[in-house]
């Protein structure tokens, strides 16, 4: 559901900084989240709620990640992710959580000191698009 008049929305109850939210994201999806049983489902907008991945539109296996596309419920955004890819992603999230946590502790609790000035580096994502990938 999309809202044109964002001023009409209730204010967020969130009181955490962007840095705290990012650290929580990496901790949750890198270590806590049960990828074998649950799906990432932003459409339902339930904080900390787990969605049984076997209850969603697409059939899946216990080993496959399930990230529901909120615009096309039949599309699993993680459907093509290999075991090696999943392991690399999990390890990167765990390392990011550790680095951010250590940096936060050593900075005296100041995210500006952890992140520093905005970087101008460019990042590129390698992606093969074929007829078998659904748009």
N, C-alpha and C. Protein backbone atom coordinates (compact mmCIF):
# COMPACT_ATOMS: atom_id res chain seq x y z
N UNK A 1 0.85 -1.17 0.00
CA UNK A 1 0.00 0.00 0.00
C UNK A 1 0.89 1.23 0.00
N UNK A 2 0.68 2.12 -0.94
CA UNK A 2 1.49 3.33 -1.06
C UNK A 2 0.68 4.54 -0.63
N UNK A 3 1.33 5.46 0.03
CA UNK A 3 0.68 6.67 0.52
C UNK A 3 1.32 7.87 -0.16
N UNK A 4 0.52 8.71 -0.76
CA UNK A 4 1.03 9.92 -1.41
C UNK A 4 1.35 11.00 -0.38
N UNK A 5 0.48 11.18 0.60
CA UNK A 5 0.64 12.23 1.59
C UNK A 5 1.37 11.66 2.81
N UNK A 6 2.70 11.70 2.77
CA UNK A 6 3.49 11.11 3.87
C UNK A 6 3.33 11.89 5.17
N UNK A 7 2.92 13.14 5.11
CA UNK A 7 2.70 13.93 6.33
C UNK A 7 1.54 13.38 7.14
N UNK A 8 0.63 12.66 6.49
CA UNK A 8 -0.52 12.09 7.18
C UNK A 8 -0.18 10.82 7.95
N UNK A 9 1.00 10.28 7.72
CA UNK A 9 1.41 9.05 8.41
C UNK A 9 1.74 9.34 9.87
N UNK A 10 1.50 8.37 10.72
CA UNK A 10 1.88 8.50 12.12
C UNK A 10 3.39 8.56 12.23
N UNK A 11 3.90 9.33 13.18
CA UNK A 11 5.36 9.39 13.34
C UNK A 11 5.91 8.03 13.79
N UNK A 12 7.13 7.77 13.42
CA UNK A 12 7.77 6.50 13.78
C UNK A 12 8.00 6.43 15.29
N UNK A 13 7.85 5.24 15.83
CA UNK A 13 8.15 5.02 17.24
C UNK A 13 9.63 4.70 17.43
N UNK A 14 10.35 4.57 16.33
CA UNK A 14 11.77 4.25 16.39
C UNK A 14 12.56 5.40 17.01
N UNK A 15 13.44 5.07 17.93
CA UNK A 15 14.31 6.08 18.55
C UNK A 15 15.78 5.74 18.34
N UNK A 16 16.04 4.75 17.50
CA UNK A 16 17.42 4.34 17.24
C UNK A 16 18.01 5.14 16.09
N UNK A 17 19.32 5.28 16.12
CA UNK A 17 20.02 5.97 15.03
C UNK A 17 20.14 5.03 13.84
N UNK A 18 20.51 5.59 12.70
CA UNK A 18 20.72 4.78 11.50
C UNK A 18 21.82 3.75 11.76
N UNK A 19 22.87 4.15 12.46
CA UNK A 19 23.96 3.22 12.78
C UNK A 19 23.50 2.06 13.62
N UNK A 20 22.67 2.33 14.63
CA UNK A 20 22.14 1.26 15.47
C UNK A 20 21.24 0.32 14.67
N UNK A 21 20.44 0.89 13.79
CA UNK A 21 19.58 0.06 12.94
C UNK A 21 20.40 -0.82 12.01
N UNK A 22 21.46 -0.26 11.43
CA UNK A 22 22.33 -1.03 10.53
C UNK A 22 23.01 -2.17 11.28
N UNK A 23 23.53 -1.88 12.46
CA UNK A 23 24.17 -2.92 13.27
C UNK A 23 23.15 -4.01 13.61
N UNK A 24 21.95 -3.61 13.99
CA UNK A 24 20.90 -4.59 14.30
C UNK A 24 20.53 -5.44 13.10
N UNK A 25 20.50 -4.83 11.91
CA UNK A 25 20.22 -5.57 10.67
C UNK A 25 21.26 -6.65 10.45
N UNK A 26 22.54 -6.27 10.54
CA UNK A 26 23.61 -7.25 10.31
C UNK A 26 23.60 -8.35 11.36
N UNK A 27 23.35 -8.00 12.61
CA UNK A 27 23.29 -9.02 13.66
C UNK A 27 22.12 -9.97 13.43
N UNK A 28 20.95 -9.40 13.14
CA UNK A 28 19.75 -10.22 12.99
C UNK A 28 19.86 -11.17 11.80
N UNK A 29 20.15 -10.64 10.61
CA UNK A 29 20.17 -11.49 9.42
C UNK A 29 21.47 -12.28 9.28
N UNK A 30 22.54 -11.87 9.96
CA UNK A 30 23.79 -12.60 9.89
C UNK A 30 23.91 -13.72 10.91
N UNK A 31 23.19 -13.60 12.03
CA UNK A 31 23.37 -14.59 13.10
C UNK A 31 22.07 -15.14 13.69
N UNK A 32 21.05 -14.31 13.84
CA UNK A 32 19.85 -14.71 14.57
C UNK A 32 18.77 -15.33 13.68
N UNK A 33 18.56 -14.76 12.51
CA UNK A 33 17.46 -15.16 11.63
C UNK A 33 17.59 -16.62 11.21
N UNK A 34 16.48 -17.36 11.29
CA UNK A 34 16.45 -18.77 10.89
C UNK A 34 16.08 -18.87 9.41
N UNK A 35 17.10 -18.86 8.56
CA UNK A 35 16.89 -18.88 7.10
C UNK A 35 16.26 -20.18 6.62
N UNK A 36 16.42 -21.27 7.38
CA UNK A 36 15.86 -22.55 6.94
C UNK A 36 14.35 -22.62 7.13
N UNK A 37 13.83 -21.88 8.09
CA UNK A 37 12.40 -21.96 8.38
C UNK A 37 11.61 -20.72 7.99
N UNK A 38 12.27 -19.58 7.91
CA UNK A 38 11.54 -18.32 7.74
C UNK A 38 11.91 -17.58 6.46
N UNK A 39 11.02 -16.69 6.06
CA UNK A 39 11.22 -15.84 4.89
C UNK A 39 11.32 -14.39 5.32
N UNK A 40 12.05 -13.61 4.53
CA UNK A 40 12.06 -12.16 4.71
C UNK A 40 10.85 -11.65 3.94
N UNK A 41 9.97 -10.95 4.63
CA UNK A 41 8.70 -10.55 4.03
C UNK A 41 8.35 -9.14 4.49
N UNK A 42 8.89 -8.12 3.81
CA UNK A 42 8.66 -6.73 4.21
C UNK A 42 7.22 -6.29 3.98
N UNK A 43 6.51 -6.98 3.15
CA UNK A 43 5.12 -6.64 2.84
C UNK A 43 4.23 -6.67 4.07
N UNK A 44 4.49 -7.55 4.99
CA UNK A 44 3.62 -7.71 6.16
C UNK A 44 3.89 -6.68 7.25
N UNK A 45 4.98 -5.96 7.17
CA UNK A 45 5.34 -4.87 8.09
C UNK A 45 5.14 -5.21 9.56
N UNK A 46 5.53 -6.40 9.95
CA UNK A 46 5.44 -6.76 11.36
C UNK A 46 6.84 -6.83 11.92
N UNK A 47 7.20 -5.93 12.83
CA UNK A 47 8.56 -5.96 13.37
C UNK A 47 8.82 -7.24 14.15
N UNK A 48 9.96 -7.82 13.90
CA UNK A 48 10.41 -9.04 14.59
C UNK A 48 9.50 -10.24 14.38
N UNK A 49 8.60 -10.18 13.43
CA UNK A 49 7.72 -11.31 13.17
C UNK A 49 8.39 -12.24 12.16
N UNK A 50 8.28 -13.52 12.40
CA UNK A 50 8.84 -14.50 11.48
C UNK A 50 7.72 -15.04 10.60
N UNK A 51 8.02 -15.19 9.33
CA UNK A 51 7.06 -15.70 8.36
C UNK A 51 7.54 -17.07 7.90
N UNK A 52 6.69 -18.08 8.06
CA UNK A 52 7.01 -19.43 7.61
C UNK A 52 7.18 -19.42 6.09
N UNK A 53 8.38 -19.71 5.61
CA UNK A 53 8.64 -19.62 4.17
C UNK A 53 7.87 -20.66 3.37
N UNK A 54 7.41 -21.71 4.01
CA UNK A 54 6.66 -22.74 3.30
C UNK A 54 5.19 -22.36 3.14
N UNK A 55 4.78 -21.24 3.76
CA UNK A 55 3.39 -20.78 3.65
C UNK A 55 3.20 -19.76 2.53
N UNK A 56 4.28 -19.38 1.85
CA UNK A 56 4.20 -18.34 0.83
C UNK A 56 3.92 -18.94 -0.55
N UNK A 57 3.77 -18.07 -1.54
CA UNK A 57 3.29 -18.46 -2.88
C UNK A 57 4.16 -19.49 -3.59
N UNK A 58 5.47 -19.38 -3.51
CA UNK A 58 6.37 -20.28 -4.24
C UNK A 58 6.81 -21.45 -3.38
N UNK A 59 6.90 -22.59 -4.02
CA UNK A 59 7.47 -23.75 -3.34
C UNK A 59 8.96 -23.50 -3.13
N UNK A 60 9.49 -23.99 -2.03
CA UNK A 60 10.91 -23.80 -1.73
C UNK A 60 11.44 -25.01 -0.99
N UNK A 61 12.73 -25.05 -0.77
CA UNK A 61 13.35 -26.13 -0.01
C UNK A 61 13.88 -25.57 1.30
N UNK A 62 14.24 -26.44 2.21
CA UNK A 62 14.74 -26.00 3.51
C UNK A 62 16.04 -25.22 3.38
N UNK A 63 16.86 -25.56 2.37
CA UNK A 63 18.15 -24.89 2.22
C UNK A 63 18.08 -23.57 1.47
N UNK A 64 17.03 -23.36 0.69
CA UNK A 64 16.93 -22.15 -0.12
C UNK A 64 16.45 -20.97 0.72
N UNK A 65 17.09 -19.83 0.53
CA UNK A 65 16.60 -18.60 1.17
C UNK A 65 15.34 -18.14 0.46
N UNK A 66 14.48 -17.44 1.19
CA UNK A 66 13.26 -16.90 0.60
C UNK A 66 13.14 -15.44 1.01
N UNK A 67 13.26 -14.55 0.02
CA UNK A 67 13.06 -13.11 0.22
C UNK A 67 11.92 -12.72 -0.71
N UNK A 68 10.75 -12.51 -0.14
CA UNK A 68 9.57 -12.23 -0.95
C UNK A 68 9.65 -10.87 -1.61
N UNK A 69 9.36 -10.83 -2.89
CA UNK A 69 9.26 -9.57 -3.64
C UNK A 69 7.91 -8.95 -3.29
N UNK A 70 7.89 -7.77 -2.65
CA UNK A 70 6.60 -7.20 -2.23
C UNK A 70 5.71 -6.76 -3.40
N UNK A 71 6.28 -6.66 -4.60
CA UNK A 71 5.50 -6.24 -5.76
C UNK A 71 5.03 -7.41 -6.62
N UNK A 72 5.68 -8.55 -6.49
CA UNK A 72 5.31 -9.76 -7.23
C UNK A 72 5.45 -10.91 -6.25
N UNK A 73 4.36 -11.28 -5.61
CA UNK A 73 4.40 -12.27 -4.53
C UNK A 73 4.84 -13.65 -4.98
N UNK A 74 4.87 -13.90 -6.27
CA UNK A 74 5.32 -15.19 -6.79
C UNK A 74 6.81 -15.21 -7.05
N UNK A 75 7.50 -14.10 -6.77
CA UNK A 75 8.92 -13.97 -7.07
C UNK A 75 9.74 -14.02 -5.79
N UNK A 76 10.59 -15.01 -5.67
CA UNK A 76 11.53 -15.12 -4.56
C UNK A 76 12.82 -14.43 -4.98
N UNK A 77 13.11 -13.29 -4.38
CA UNK A 77 14.29 -12.51 -4.77
C UNK A 77 15.60 -13.24 -4.51
N UNK A 78 15.59 -14.21 -3.62
CA UNK A 78 16.80 -14.98 -3.31
C UNK A 78 16.78 -16.35 -3.96
N UNK A 79 15.85 -16.57 -4.87
CA UNK A 79 15.66 -17.89 -5.47
C UNK A 79 16.86 -18.43 -6.24
N UNK A 80 17.70 -17.57 -6.75
CA UNK A 80 18.86 -18.01 -7.55
C UNK A 80 20.17 -18.00 -6.76
N UNK A 81 20.10 -17.68 -5.47
CA UNK A 81 21.32 -17.58 -4.65
C UNK A 81 21.85 -18.98 -4.33
N UNK A 82 23.11 -19.21 -4.66
CA UNK A 82 23.73 -20.52 -4.43
C UNK A 82 24.16 -20.68 -2.98
N UNK A 83 24.49 -21.90 -2.60
CA UNK A 83 25.00 -22.16 -1.25
C UNK A 83 26.24 -21.33 -0.98
N UNK A 84 27.16 -21.29 -1.93
CA UNK A 84 28.39 -20.51 -1.76
C UNK A 84 28.06 -19.02 -1.59
N UNK A 85 27.13 -18.53 -2.37
CA UNK A 85 26.70 -17.14 -2.26
C UNK A 85 26.09 -16.84 -0.91
N UNK A 86 25.25 -17.74 -0.43
CA UNK A 86 24.61 -17.55 0.88
C UNK A 86 25.65 -17.54 1.99
N UNK A 87 26.63 -18.43 1.91
CA UNK A 87 27.68 -18.46 2.93
C UNK A 87 28.51 -17.18 2.92
N UNK A 88 28.81 -16.68 1.74
CA UNK A 88 29.58 -15.42 1.63
C UNK A 88 28.78 -14.25 2.19
N UNK A 89 27.50 -14.20 1.91
CA UNK A 89 26.65 -13.12 2.42
C UNK A 89 26.57 -13.18 3.94
N UNK A 90 26.33 -14.37 4.49
CA UNK A 90 26.25 -14.51 5.95
C UNK A 90 27.56 -14.10 6.62
N UNK A 91 28.68 -14.54 6.07
CA UNK A 91 29.98 -14.19 6.64
C UNK A 91 30.21 -12.69 6.57
N UNK A 92 29.85 -12.06 5.46
CA UNK A 92 30.02 -10.61 5.32
C UNK A 92 29.15 -9.86 6.33
N UNK A 93 27.92 -10.34 6.56
CA UNK A 93 27.05 -9.68 7.55
C UNK A 93 27.60 -9.85 8.96
N UNK A 94 28.13 -11.03 9.26
CA UNK A 94 28.71 -11.25 10.60
C UNK A 94 29.94 -10.38 10.81
N UNK A 95 30.79 -10.29 9.79
CA UNK A 95 31.98 -9.44 9.89
C UNK A 95 31.58 -7.97 10.03
N UNK A 96 30.59 -7.54 9.28
CA UNK A 96 30.13 -6.14 9.37
C UNK A 96 29.60 -5.85 10.77
N UNK A 97 28.85 -6.77 11.34
CA UNK A 97 28.33 -6.58 12.70
C UNK A 97 29.47 -6.47 13.71
N UNK A 98 30.47 -7.33 13.55
CA UNK A 98 31.61 -7.31 14.47
C UNK A 98 32.40 -6.00 14.34
N UNK A 99 32.68 -5.59 13.12
CA UNK A 99 33.43 -4.35 12.89
C UNK A 99 32.67 -3.14 13.43
N UNK A 100 31.37 -3.05 13.11
CA UNK A 100 30.57 -1.93 13.60
C UNK A 100 30.47 -1.92 15.12
N UNK A 101 30.29 -3.10 15.70
CA UNK A 101 30.19 -3.20 17.15
C UNK A 101 31.48 -2.76 17.83
N UNK A 102 32.62 -3.24 17.32
CA UNK A 102 33.92 -2.85 17.88
C UNK A 102 34.18 -1.36 17.69
N UNK A 103 33.86 -0.85 16.51
CA UNK A 103 34.08 0.57 16.22
C UNK A 103 33.20 1.44 17.11
N UNK A 104 31.97 1.02 17.32
CA UNK A 104 31.04 1.76 18.18
C UNK A 104 31.59 1.82 19.61
N UNK A 105 32.06 0.69 20.10
CA UNK A 105 32.59 0.65 21.47
C UNK A 105 33.84 1.51 21.61
N UNK A 106 34.73 1.47 20.63
CA UNK A 106 35.98 2.23 20.72
C UNK A 106 35.81 3.71 20.40
N UNK A 107 34.67 4.10 19.82
CA UNK A 107 34.45 5.51 19.47
C UNK A 107 33.78 6.29 20.58
N UNK A 108 33.46 5.61 21.66
CA UNK A 108 32.73 6.28 22.73
C UNK A 108 31.26 6.45 22.39
N UNK A 109 30.76 5.63 21.49
CA UNK A 109 29.34 5.67 21.16
C UNK A 109 28.95 6.78 20.20
N UNK A 110 29.86 7.15 19.31
CA UNK A 110 29.57 8.21 18.34
C UNK A 110 29.63 7.64 16.93
N UNK A 111 28.47 7.52 16.27
CA UNK A 111 28.43 6.95 14.93
C UNK A 111 29.16 7.80 13.92
N UNK A 112 29.19 9.10 14.10
CA UNK A 112 29.91 9.97 13.15
C UNK A 112 31.39 9.63 13.13
N UNK A 113 31.94 9.26 14.28
CA UNK A 113 33.35 8.88 14.33
C UNK A 113 33.56 7.49 13.72
N UNK A 114 32.57 6.65 13.81
CA UNK A 114 32.67 5.30 13.23
C UNK A 114 32.65 5.37 11.71
N UNK A 115 31.71 6.11 11.16
CA UNK A 115 31.50 6.14 9.71
C UNK A 115 32.36 7.16 8.99
N UNK A 116 32.72 8.23 9.64
CA UNK A 116 33.55 9.24 8.99
C UNK A 116 32.80 9.99 7.91
N UNK A 117 33.56 10.73 7.11
CA UNK A 117 32.97 11.51 6.02
C UNK A 117 32.47 10.58 4.92
N UNK A 118 31.54 11.07 4.13
CA UNK A 118 30.99 10.29 3.02
C UNK A 118 32.06 9.88 2.02
N UNK A 119 32.04 8.64 1.62
CA UNK A 119 33.02 8.13 0.66
C UNK A 119 32.56 8.42 -0.76
N UNK A 120 33.51 8.58 -1.65
CA UNK A 120 33.18 8.82 -3.05
C UNK A 120 33.50 7.61 -3.92
N UNK A 121 33.90 6.51 -3.29
CA UNK A 121 34.20 5.29 -4.05
C UNK A 121 32.94 4.78 -4.74
N UNK A 122 33.15 4.10 -5.84
CA UNK A 122 32.03 3.51 -6.55
C UNK A 122 32.04 2.00 -6.33
N UNK A 123 30.85 1.45 -6.27
CA UNK A 123 30.70 0.00 -6.13
C UNK A 123 29.93 -0.51 -7.33
N UNK A 124 30.29 -1.69 -7.78
CA UNK A 124 29.62 -2.29 -8.92
C UNK A 124 29.12 -3.67 -8.53
N UNK A 125 27.96 -4.00 -9.03
CA UNK A 125 27.36 -5.30 -8.78
C UNK A 125 27.39 -6.10 -10.07
N UNK A 126 27.98 -7.29 -10.00
CA UNK A 126 28.03 -8.16 -11.17
C UNK A 126 26.75 -8.99 -11.20
N UNK A 127 26.08 -8.96 -12.32
CA UNK A 127 24.81 -9.67 -12.43
C UNK A 127 24.62 -10.14 -13.86
N UNK A 128 24.32 -11.41 -14.03
CA UNK A 128 24.01 -11.94 -15.35
C UNK A 128 22.50 -11.95 -15.53
N UNK A 129 22.03 -11.33 -16.57
CA UNK A 129 20.60 -11.33 -16.86
C UNK A 129 20.35 -12.26 -18.03
N UNK A 130 19.50 -13.24 -17.80
CA UNK A 130 19.16 -14.19 -18.85
C UNK A 130 17.65 -14.32 -18.93
N UNK A 131 17.19 -15.07 -19.92
CA UNK A 131 15.75 -15.28 -20.07
C UNK A 131 15.15 -16.05 -18.89
N UNK A 132 15.97 -16.76 -18.12
CA UNK A 132 15.45 -17.54 -17.00
C UNK A 132 15.26 -16.71 -15.73
N UNK A 133 15.75 -15.47 -15.73
CA UNK A 133 15.57 -14.59 -14.57
C UNK A 133 14.27 -13.83 -14.77
N UNK A 134 13.38 -13.92 -13.79
CA UNK A 134 12.11 -13.20 -13.92
C UNK A 134 12.31 -11.73 -13.59
N UNK A 135 11.67 -10.85 -14.33
CA UNK A 135 11.84 -9.41 -14.08
C UNK A 135 11.17 -8.99 -12.79
